[in-house]
Amino acid sequence: CPTCHALGGSGNPRHPLDGVGRRRTPGELREWITGTGGAAKDLPATIVERKRRYTELPGDDLDALCAYLGAGN
């Protein structure tokens, strides 16, 4: 994630994730992480393809990532 995104000042500052949970619903977070649903329409095709690998995360891990980002981090 830090290649494309920053969190707490660490990582790529071009796309910070700080406060993303206040801007996106849990379902939207899941779509943006995995490059599916509505996010697939808004993201460039190359990014969608890169994000699709996250669909292979175990469900509990993806749930935990969504909860972490949704907690306002």
C-alpha atoms as a PDB file:
ATOM      1  CA  CYS A   1       0.000   0.000   0.000  1.00  0.00           C
ATOM      2  CA  PRO A   2       2.722   2.604   0.796  1.00  0.00           C
ATOM      3  CA  THR A   3       3.908   2.525  -2.813  1.00  0.00           C
ATOM      4  CA  CYS A   4       0.688   4.281  -3.851  1.00  0.00           C
ATOM      5  CA  HIS A   5      -0.735   5.597  -0.563  1.00  0.00           C
ATOM      6  CA  ALA A   6       0.319   7.390   2.619  1.00  0.00           C
ATOM      7  CA  LEU A   7      -1.024   6.926   6.117  1.00  0.00           C
ATOM      8  CA  GLY A   8       0.109   8.956   9.093  1.00  0.00           C
ATOM      9  CA  GLY A   9       2.716  10.726   6.982  1.00  0.00           C
ATOM     10  CA  SER A  10       4.389   7.503   5.856  1.00  0.00           C
ATOM     11  CA  GLY A  11       4.268   6.328   2.248  1.00  0.00           C
ATOM     12  CA  ASN A  12       3.388   8.057  -1.014  1.00  0.00           C
ATOM     13  CA  PRO A  13       1.891  11.449  -0.099  1.00  0.00           C
ATOM     14  CA  ARG A  14       0.155  11.705  -3.466  1.00  0.00           C
ATOM     15  CA  HIS A  15      -2.760   9.526  -2.295  1.00  0.00           C
ATOM     16  CA  PRO A  16      -3.161   9.815   1.507  1.00  0.00           C
ATOM     17  CA  LEU A  17      -5.542   7.469   3.290  1.00  0.00           C
ATOM     18  CA  ASP A  18      -5.836   9.549   6.455  1.00  0.00           C
ATOM     19  CA  GLY A  19      -9.517  10.069   7.200  1.00  0.00           C
ATOM     20  CA  VAL A  20     -10.700   7.886   4.314  1.00  0.00           C
ATOM     21  CA  GLY A  21     -13.234   6.253   6.644  1.00  0.00           C
ATOM     22  CA  ARG A  22     -15.023   9.582   6.951  1.00  0.00           C
ATOM     23  CA  ARG A  23     -15.290   9.884   3.173  1.00  0.00           C
ATOM     24  CA  ARG A  24     -16.232   6.319   2.217  1.00  0.00           C
ATOM     25  CA  THR A  25     -18.702   3.734   3.484  1.00  0.00           C
ATOM     26  CA  PRO A  26     -17.385   0.277   4.435  1.00  0.00           C
ATOM     27  CA  GLY A  27     -18.698  -1.083   1.132  1.00  0.00           C
ATOM     28  CA  GLU A  28     -16.993   1.678  -0.824  1.00  0.00           C
ATOM     29  CA  LEU A  29     -13.724   1.030   1.001  1.00  0.00           C
ATOM     30  CA  ARG A  30     -13.914  -2.626  -0.026  1.00  0.00           C
ATOM     31  CA  GLU A  31     -14.568  -1.654  -3.656  1.00  0.00           C
ATOM     32  CA  TRP A  32     -11.683   0.839  -3.713  1.00  0.00           C
ATOM     33  CA  ILE A  33      -9.285  -1.666  -2.132  1.00  0.00           C
ATOM     34  CA  THR A  34     -10.223  -4.427  -4.580  1.00  0.00           C
ATOM     35  CA  GLY A  35     -10.844  -2.270  -7.669  1.00  0.00           C
ATOM     36  CA  THR A  36     -14.388  -3.569  -8.069  1.00  0.00           C
ATOM     37  CA  GLY A  37     -17.909  -2.132  -8.228  1.00  0.00           C
ATOM     38  CA  GLY A  38     -18.199   1.621  -8.546  1.00  0.00           C
ATOM     39  CA  ALA A  39     -14.473   2.112  -7.968  1.00  0.00           C
ATOM     40  CA  ALA A  40     -13.711   0.169 -11.154  1.00  0.00           C
ATOM     41  CA  LYS A  41     -15.553   2.860 -13.124  1.00  0.00           C
ATOM     42  CA  ASP A  42     -13.624   5.722 -11.491  1.00  0.00           C
ATOM     43  CA  LEU A  43     -10.109   4.282 -11.500  1.00  0.00           C
ATOM     44  CA  PRO A  44      -7.781   3.963 -14.500  1.00  0.00           C
ATOM     45  CA  ALA A  45      -7.745   0.437 -15.950  1.00  0.00           C
ATOM     46  CA  THR A  46      -4.111  -0.098 -14.935  1.00  0.00           C
ATOM     47  CA  ILE A  47      -4.937   0.675 -11.303  1.00  0.00           C
ATOM     48  CA  VAL A  48      -8.038  -1.550 -11.378  1.00  0.00           C
ATOM     49  CA  GLU A  49      -5.877  -4.400 -12.621  1.00  0.00           C
ATOM     50  CA  ARG A  50      -3.298  -3.788  -9.873  1.00  0.00           C
ATOM     51  CA  LYS A  51      -5.970  -3.667  -7.172  1.00  0.00           C
ATOM     52  CA  ARG A  52      -7.693  -6.871  -8.322  1.00  0.00           C
ATOM     53  CA  ARG A  53      -5.010  -8.907  -6.553  1.00  0.00           C
ATOM     54  CA  TYR A  54      -6.548  -7.763  -3.266  1.00  0.00           C
ATOM     55  CA  THR A  55      -9.658  -9.802  -4.079  1.00  0.00           C
ATOM     56  CA  GLU A  56      -7.475 -12.799  -3.201  1.00  0.00           C
ATOM     57  CA  LEU A  57      -6.962 -11.638   0.396  1.00  0.00           C
ATOM     58  CA  PRO A  58      -8.603 -13.901   2.957  1.00  0.00           C
ATOM     59  CA  GLY A  59     -12.009 -12.457   3.877  1.00  0.00           C
ATOM     60  CA  ASP A  60     -10.989 -11.815   7.488  1.00  0.00           C
ATOM     61  CA  ASP A  61      -7.921  -9.852   6.370  1.00  0.00           C
ATOM     62  CA  LEU A  62      -9.927  -7.730   3.955  1.00  0.00           C
ATOM     63  CA  ASP A  63     -12.544  -7.126   6.663  1.00  0.00           C
ATOM     64  CA  ALA A  64      -9.795  -6.067   9.086  1.00  0.00           C
ATOM     65  CA  LEU A  65      -8.269  -3.681   6.540  1.00  0.00           C
ATOM     66  CA  CYS A  66     -11.674  -2.113   5.840  1.00  0.00           C
ATOM     67  CA  ALA A  67     -12.340  -1.768   9.581  1.00  0.00           C
ATOM     68  CA  TYR A  68      -8.940  -0.161  10.154  1.00  0.00           C
ATOM     69  CA  LEU A  69      -9.401   2.361   7.365  1.00  0.00           C
ATOM     70  CA  GLY A  70     -13.025   2.920   8.355  1.00  0.00           C
ATOM     71  CA  ALA A  71     -12.058   3.754  11.922  1.00  0.00           C
ATOM     72  CA  GLY A  72     -10.857   7.143  10.707  1.00  0.00           C
ATOM     73  CA  ASN A  73      -7.190   6.251  10.388  1.00  0.00           C
END
